[in-house]
Amino acid sequence: MLWVLPDVDWQAPWPVWGGFIYVALFSQLIGFFAWNRGLALGGVARVGQVQLLQLFMTLAASAWLLGEDIDWVTIIFAVGVVGVVAARALDCLFYANASSQTVPFARNLL
């Protein structure tokens, strides 16, 4: 097997390597265990809805911190997705104490 590597400058400053190690350890490794613990505590269906909001929180942070331009289409879809996630969360709370006989048929399809 032939490995072809591009020319890489391995002499990066220590802050660059520190940032790389931070992202590798906290974002990928430790964050993985925290996310799975959260899924175990709250349930996959309920906590998984939070992940749908991650993209829009990233958009908001990039606009606020980096000055990125966000167009109206993005805002409209962000509001739509947040509304659907909120409606689903309210639906779960509303039917949390209901028995399976009183839950409408359409609720079982979601």
N, C-alpha and C. Protein backbone atom coordinates (compact mmCIF):
# COMPACT_ATOMS: atom_id res chain seq x y z
N MET A 1 0.85 -1.17 0.00
CA MET A 1 0.00 0.00 0.00
C MET A 1 0.90 1.24 0.00
N LEU A 2 0.54 2.22 -0.77
CA LEU A 2 1.34 3.42 -0.90
C LEU A 2 0.63 4.56 -0.18
N TRP A 3 1.32 5.16 0.76
CA TRP A 3 0.77 6.29 1.50
C TRP A 3 1.38 7.58 0.95
N VAL A 4 0.52 8.50 0.60
CA VAL A 4 0.99 9.78 0.11
C VAL A 4 0.51 10.85 1.08
N LEU A 5 1.43 11.51 1.73
CA LEU A 5 1.08 12.56 2.68
C LEU A 5 1.46 13.91 2.10
N PRO A 6 0.60 14.89 2.26
CA PRO A 6 0.96 16.23 1.81
C PRO A 6 2.04 16.81 2.72
N ASP A 7 2.68 17.83 2.23
CA ASP A 7 3.66 18.51 3.06
C ASP A 7 2.95 19.21 4.21
N VAL A 8 3.29 18.81 5.43
CA VAL A 8 2.65 19.34 6.62
C VAL A 8 3.69 20.05 7.46
N ASP A 9 3.34 21.22 7.94
CA ASP A 9 4.22 21.95 8.84
C ASP A 9 3.91 21.50 10.26
N TRP A 10 4.74 20.60 10.79
CA TRP A 10 4.52 20.08 12.13
C TRP A 10 5.05 21.02 13.19
N GLN A 11 5.59 22.14 12.81
CA GLN A 11 6.15 23.09 13.75
C GLN A 11 5.13 24.15 14.16
N ALA A 12 3.91 23.73 14.36
CA ALA A 12 2.86 24.66 14.78
C ALA A 12 3.14 25.12 16.21
N PRO A 13 2.73 26.34 16.55
CA PRO A 13 2.93 26.83 17.92
C PRO A 13 2.10 26.03 18.93
N TRP A 14 2.52 26.10 20.19
CA TRP A 14 1.85 25.35 21.24
C TRP A 14 0.38 25.72 21.42
N PRO A 15 -0.05 26.97 21.26
CA PRO A 15 -1.49 27.25 21.37
C PRO A 15 -2.32 26.50 20.33
N VAL A 16 -1.75 26.29 19.15
CA VAL A 16 -2.46 25.52 18.11
C VAL A 16 -2.61 24.07 18.55
N TRP A 17 -1.53 23.47 19.03
CA TRP A 17 -1.61 22.09 19.51
C TRP A 17 -2.52 21.98 20.74
N GLY A 18 -2.48 22.99 21.59
CA GLY A 18 -3.39 22.99 22.75
C GLY A 18 -4.85 23.03 22.32
N GLY A 19 -5.16 23.84 21.33
CA GLY A 19 -6.53 23.88 20.82
C GLY A 19 -6.94 22.56 20.20
N PHE A 20 -6.02 21.93 19.47
CA PHE A 20 -6.29 20.63 18.87
C PHE A 20 -6.57 19.57 19.95
N ILE A 21 -5.75 19.55 20.97
CA ILE A 21 -5.93 18.57 22.06
C ILE A 21 -7.22 18.84 22.81
N TYR A 22 -7.55 20.12 23.03
CA TYR A 22 -8.80 20.46 23.71
C TYR A 22 -10.01 19.95 22.93
N VAL A 23 -10.02 20.21 21.64
CA VAL A 23 -11.14 19.76 20.81
C VAL A 23 -11.21 18.24 20.79
N ALA A 24 -10.05 17.60 20.67
CA ALA A 24 -10.02 16.14 20.62
C ALA A 24 -10.51 15.52 21.92
N LEU A 25 -10.09 16.06 23.05
CA LEU A 25 -10.47 15.46 24.33
C LEU A 25 -11.86 15.83 24.79
N PHE A 26 -12.15 17.12 24.84
CA PHE A 26 -13.41 17.56 25.43
C PHE A 26 -14.59 17.43 24.49
N SER A 27 -14.44 17.89 23.28
CA SER A 27 -15.55 17.87 22.35
C SER A 27 -15.87 16.45 21.89
N GLN A 28 -14.85 15.67 21.62
CA GLN A 28 -15.07 14.36 21.04
C GLN A 28 -15.14 13.25 22.09
N LEU A 29 -14.26 13.25 23.04
CA LEU A 29 -14.19 12.13 23.97
C LEU A 29 -15.06 12.33 25.20
N ILE A 30 -14.82 13.37 25.95
CA ILE A 30 -15.57 13.60 27.18
C ILE A 30 -17.01 14.00 26.87
N GLY A 31 -17.21 14.79 25.82
CA GLY A 31 -18.56 15.16 25.42
C GLY A 31 -19.39 13.96 25.02
N PHE A 32 -18.77 12.95 24.45
CA PHE A 32 -19.46 11.72 24.07
C PHE A 32 -20.08 11.05 25.30
N PHE A 33 -19.31 10.94 26.37
CA PHE A 33 -19.82 10.30 27.57
C PHE A 33 -20.91 11.14 28.24
N ALA A 34 -20.74 12.46 28.25
CA ALA A 34 -21.76 13.33 28.83
C ALA A 34 -23.06 13.25 28.03
N TRP A 35 -22.96 13.24 26.72
CA TRP A 35 -24.16 13.16 25.87
C TRP A 35 -24.87 11.83 26.07
N ASN A 36 -24.14 10.73 26.13
CA ASN A 36 -24.79 9.43 26.34
C ASN A 36 -25.41 9.32 27.72
N ARG A 37 -24.80 9.96 28.71
CA ARG A 37 -25.39 9.97 30.05
C ARG A 37 -26.70 10.76 30.04
N GLY A 38 -26.69 11.89 29.35
CA GLY A 38 -27.92 12.68 29.22
C GLY A 38 -29.01 11.92 28.49
N LEU A 39 -28.65 11.17 27.46
CA LEU A 39 -29.63 10.35 26.76
C LEU A 39 -30.21 9.27 27.68
N ALA A 40 -29.34 8.69 28.50
CA ALA A 40 -29.81 7.65 29.42
C ALA A 40 -30.75 8.22 30.48
N LEU A 41 -30.46 9.42 30.97
CA LEU A 41 -31.30 10.02 32.01
C LEU A 41 -32.63 10.53 31.47
N GLY A 42 -32.61 11.17 30.32
CA GLY A 42 -33.83 11.80 29.81
C GLY A 42 -34.59 11.01 28.77
N GLY A 43 -33.98 9.97 28.24
CA GLY A 43 -34.62 9.20 27.19
C GLY A 43 -34.20 9.70 25.82
N VAL A 44 -33.97 8.77 24.92
CA VAL A 44 -33.45 9.11 23.61
C VAL A 44 -34.42 9.99 22.84
N ALA A 45 -35.71 9.67 22.87
CA ALA A 45 -36.69 10.43 22.08
C ALA A 45 -36.81 11.87 22.56
N ARG A 46 -36.75 12.07 23.85
CA ARG A 46 -36.93 13.42 24.39
C ARG A 46 -35.65 14.25 24.28
N VAL A 47 -34.53 13.69 24.68
CA VAL A 47 -33.27 14.43 24.67
C VAL A 47 -32.75 14.59 23.24
N GLY A 48 -33.05 13.65 22.37
CA GLY A 48 -32.62 13.75 20.98
C GLY A 48 -33.19 14.96 20.28
N GLN A 49 -34.33 15.46 20.74
CA GLN A 49 -34.92 16.66 20.15
C GLN A 49 -34.02 17.88 20.36
N VAL A 50 -33.26 17.87 21.44
CA VAL A 50 -32.36 19.00 21.72
C VAL A 50 -31.30 19.11 20.63
N GLN A 51 -30.89 17.98 20.08
CA GLN A 51 -29.86 18.00 19.06
C GLN A 51 -30.34 18.72 17.80
N LEU A 52 -31.64 18.74 17.56
CA LEU A 52 -32.18 19.48 16.41
C LEU A 52 -31.93 20.98 16.55
N LEU A 53 -31.83 21.45 17.77
CA LEU A 53 -31.60 22.88 18.01
C LEU A 53 -30.12 23.26 17.92
N GLN A 54 -29.23 22.29 17.88
CA GLN A 54 -27.80 22.56 17.89
C GLN A 54 -27.37 23.40 16.70
N LEU A 55 -27.88 23.12 15.53
CA LEU A 55 -27.50 23.87 14.33
C LEU A 55 -27.88 25.34 14.47
N PHE A 56 -29.04 25.61 15.01
CA PHE A 56 -29.50 26.99 15.09
C PHE A 56 -28.82 27.75 16.22
N MET A 57 -28.46 27.05 17.27
CA MET A 57 -27.66 27.70 18.31
C MET A 57 -26.27 28.04 17.76
N THR A 58 -25.73 27.18 16.90
CA THR A 58 -24.46 27.47 16.26
C THR A 58 -24.56 28.67 15.34
N LEU A 59 -25.66 28.75 14.59
CA LEU A 59 -25.87 29.92 13.72
C LEU A 59 -25.96 31.20 14.53
N ALA A 60 -26.68 31.15 15.64
CA ALA A 60 -26.81 32.35 16.48
C ALA A 60 -25.46 32.74 17.07
N ALA A 61 -24.70 31.76 17.52
CA ALA A 61 -23.38 32.06 18.10
C ALA A 61 -22.43 32.61 17.04
N SER A 62 -22.50 32.08 15.82
CA SER A 62 -21.61 32.60 14.77
C SER A 62 -21.98 34.01 14.38
N ALA A 63 -23.26 34.34 14.41
CA ALA A 63 -23.68 35.72 14.09
C ALA A 63 -23.24 36.66 15.21
N TRP A 64 -23.38 36.22 16.44
CA TRP A 64 -23.07 37.08 17.58
C TRP A 64 -21.56 37.22 17.78
N LEU A 65 -20.86 36.10 17.76
CA LEU A 65 -19.43 36.13 18.07
C LEU A 65 -18.55 36.50 16.88
N LEU A 66 -18.93 36.04 15.68
CA LEU A 66 -18.08 36.22 14.51
C LEU A 66 -18.60 37.25 13.52
N GLY A 67 -19.81 37.75 13.76
CA GLY A 67 -20.38 38.73 12.85
C GLY A 67 -20.86 38.16 11.53
N GLU A 68 -21.19 36.87 11.49
CA GLU A 68 -21.67 36.23 10.26
C GLU A 68 -23.03 36.81 9.87
N ASP A 69 -23.27 36.90 8.57
CA ASP A 69 -24.58 37.35 8.07
C ASP A 69 -25.52 36.15 7.97
N ILE A 70 -26.72 36.32 8.51
CA ILE A 70 -27.74 35.27 8.45
C ILE A 70 -28.93 35.84 7.70
N ASP A 71 -29.35 35.16 6.62
CA ASP A 71 -30.44 35.69 5.80
C ASP A 71 -31.80 35.29 6.37
N TRP A 72 -32.86 35.85 5.78
CA TRP A 72 -34.22 35.63 6.27
C TRP A 72 -34.69 34.20 6.11
N VAL A 73 -34.25 33.52 5.07
CA VAL A 73 -34.65 32.12 4.88
C VAL A 73 -34.15 31.28 6.04
N THR A 74 -32.93 31.50 6.46
CA THR A 74 -32.37 30.76 7.60
C THR A 74 -33.15 31.05 8.87
N ILE A 75 -33.50 32.30 9.08
CA ILE A 75 -34.27 32.67 10.27
C ILE A 75 -35.64 32.03 10.26
N ILE A 76 -36.30 32.02 9.10
CA ILE A 76 -37.64 31.42 9.01
C ILE A 76 -37.59 29.93 9.31
N PHE A 77 -36.62 29.24 8.73
CA PHE A 77 -36.51 27.80 9.00
C PHE A 77 -36.08 27.53 10.43
N ALA A 78 -35.25 28.36 10.99
CA ALA A 78 -34.85 28.19 12.39
C ALA A 78 -36.05 28.31 13.32
N VAL A 79 -36.88 29.32 13.08
CA VAL A 79 -38.09 29.50 13.89
C VAL A 79 -39.03 28.31 13.70
N GLY A 80 -39.13 27.80 12.48
CA GLY A 80 -39.98 26.63 12.23
C GLY A 80 -39.51 25.40 12.96
N VAL A 81 -38.21 25.13 12.91
CA VAL A 81 -37.68 23.95 13.59
C VAL A 81 -37.81 24.09 15.10
N VAL A 82 -37.52 25.27 15.63
CA VAL A 82 -37.67 25.49 17.07
C VAL A 82 -39.14 25.30 17.48
N GLY A 83 -40.06 25.77 16.66
CA GLY A 83 -41.48 25.60 16.95
C GLY A 83 -41.89 24.14 16.97
N VAL A 84 -41.40 23.36 16.01
CA VAL A 84 -41.74 21.94 15.96
C VAL A 84 -41.16 21.21 17.17
N VAL A 85 -39.91 21.51 17.52
CA VAL A 85 -39.30 20.88 18.69
C VAL A 85 -40.04 21.26 19.96
N ALA A 86 -40.42 22.53 20.08
CA ALA A 86 -41.16 22.97 21.27
C ALA A 86 -42.53 22.32 21.34
N ALA A 87 -43.20 22.20 20.19
CA ALA A 87 -44.52 21.55 20.17
C ALA A 87 -44.41 20.09 20.57
N ARG A 88 -43.37 19.43 20.10
CA ARG A 88 -43.17 18.03 20.46
C ARG A 88 -42.86 17.89 21.96
N ALA A 89 -42.07 18.81 22.50
CA ALA A 89 -41.76 18.76 23.93
C ALA A 89 -43.01 18.99 24.76
N LEU A 90 -43.84 19.95 24.35
CA LEU A 90 -45.10 20.19 25.06
C LEU A 90 -46.03 19.00 24.94
N ASP A 91 -46.03 18.37 23.77
CA ASP A 91 -46.86 17.19 23.55
C ASP A 91 -46.44 16.07 24.49
N CYS A 92 -45.13 15.87 24.65
CA CYS A 92 -44.64 14.83 25.57
C CYS A 92 -45.02 15.14 27.00
N LEU A 93 -44.94 16.42 27.39
CA LEU A 93 -45.32 16.79 28.75
C LEU A 93 -46.82 16.63 28.97
N PHE A 94 -47.62 17.00 27.97
CA PHE A 94 -49.07 16.94 28.10
C PHE A 94 -49.55 15.51 28.25
N TYR A 95 -48.97 14.59 27.48
CA TYR A 95 -49.41 13.20 27.50
C TYR A 95 -48.58 12.33 28.42
N ALA A 96 -47.71 12.91 29.24
CA ALA A 96 -46.83 12.11 30.10
C ALA A 96 -47.62 11.28 31.11
N ASN A 97 -48.71 11.83 31.64
CA ASN A 97 -49.49 11.12 32.65
C ASN A 97 -50.70 10.40 32.08
N ALA A 98 -50.91 10.52 30.78
CA ALA A 98 -52.08 9.88 30.17
C ALA A 98 -51.80 8.40 29.94
N SER A 99 -52.84 7.60 30.10
CA SER A 99 -52.68 6.17 29.83
C SER A 99 -52.78 5.94 28.33
N SER A 100 -52.40 4.76 27.88
CA SER A 100 -52.38 4.48 26.45
C SER A 100 -53.80 4.44 25.86
N GLN A 101 -54.83 4.22 26.69
CA GLN A 101 -56.20 4.20 26.18
C GLN A 101 -56.72 5.60 25.89
N THR A 102 -56.21 6.62 26.53
CA THR A 102 -56.73 7.97 26.33
C THR A 102 -55.91 8.78 25.33
N VAL A 103 -54.81 8.23 24.87
CA VAL A 103 -53.97 8.95 23.91
C VAL A 103 -54.59 8.83 22.53
N PRO A 104 -54.77 9.93 21.82
CA PRO A 104 -55.35 9.86 20.47
C PRO A 104 -54.49 9.01 19.54
N PHE A 105 -55.16 8.46 18.50
CA PHE A 105 -54.46 7.59 17.57
C PHE A 105 -53.33 8.32 16.86
N ALA A 106 -53.56 9.57 16.48
CA ALA A 106 -52.52 10.33 15.76
C ALA A 106 -51.27 10.50 16.60
N ARG A 107 -51.41 10.55 17.91
CA ARG A 107 -50.26 10.70 18.82
C ARG A 107 -49.34 9.49 18.71
N ASN A 108 -49.93 8.30 18.49
CA ASN A 108 -49.14 7.08 18.40
C ASN A 108 -48.33 7.00 17.10
N LEU A 109 -48.68 7.80 16.11
CA LEU A 109 -47.95 7.75 14.84
C LEU A 109 -46.67 8.58 14.86
N LEU A 110 -46.52 9.47 15.85
CA LEU A 110 -45.34 10.34 15.89
C LEU A 110 -44.13 9.65 16.39
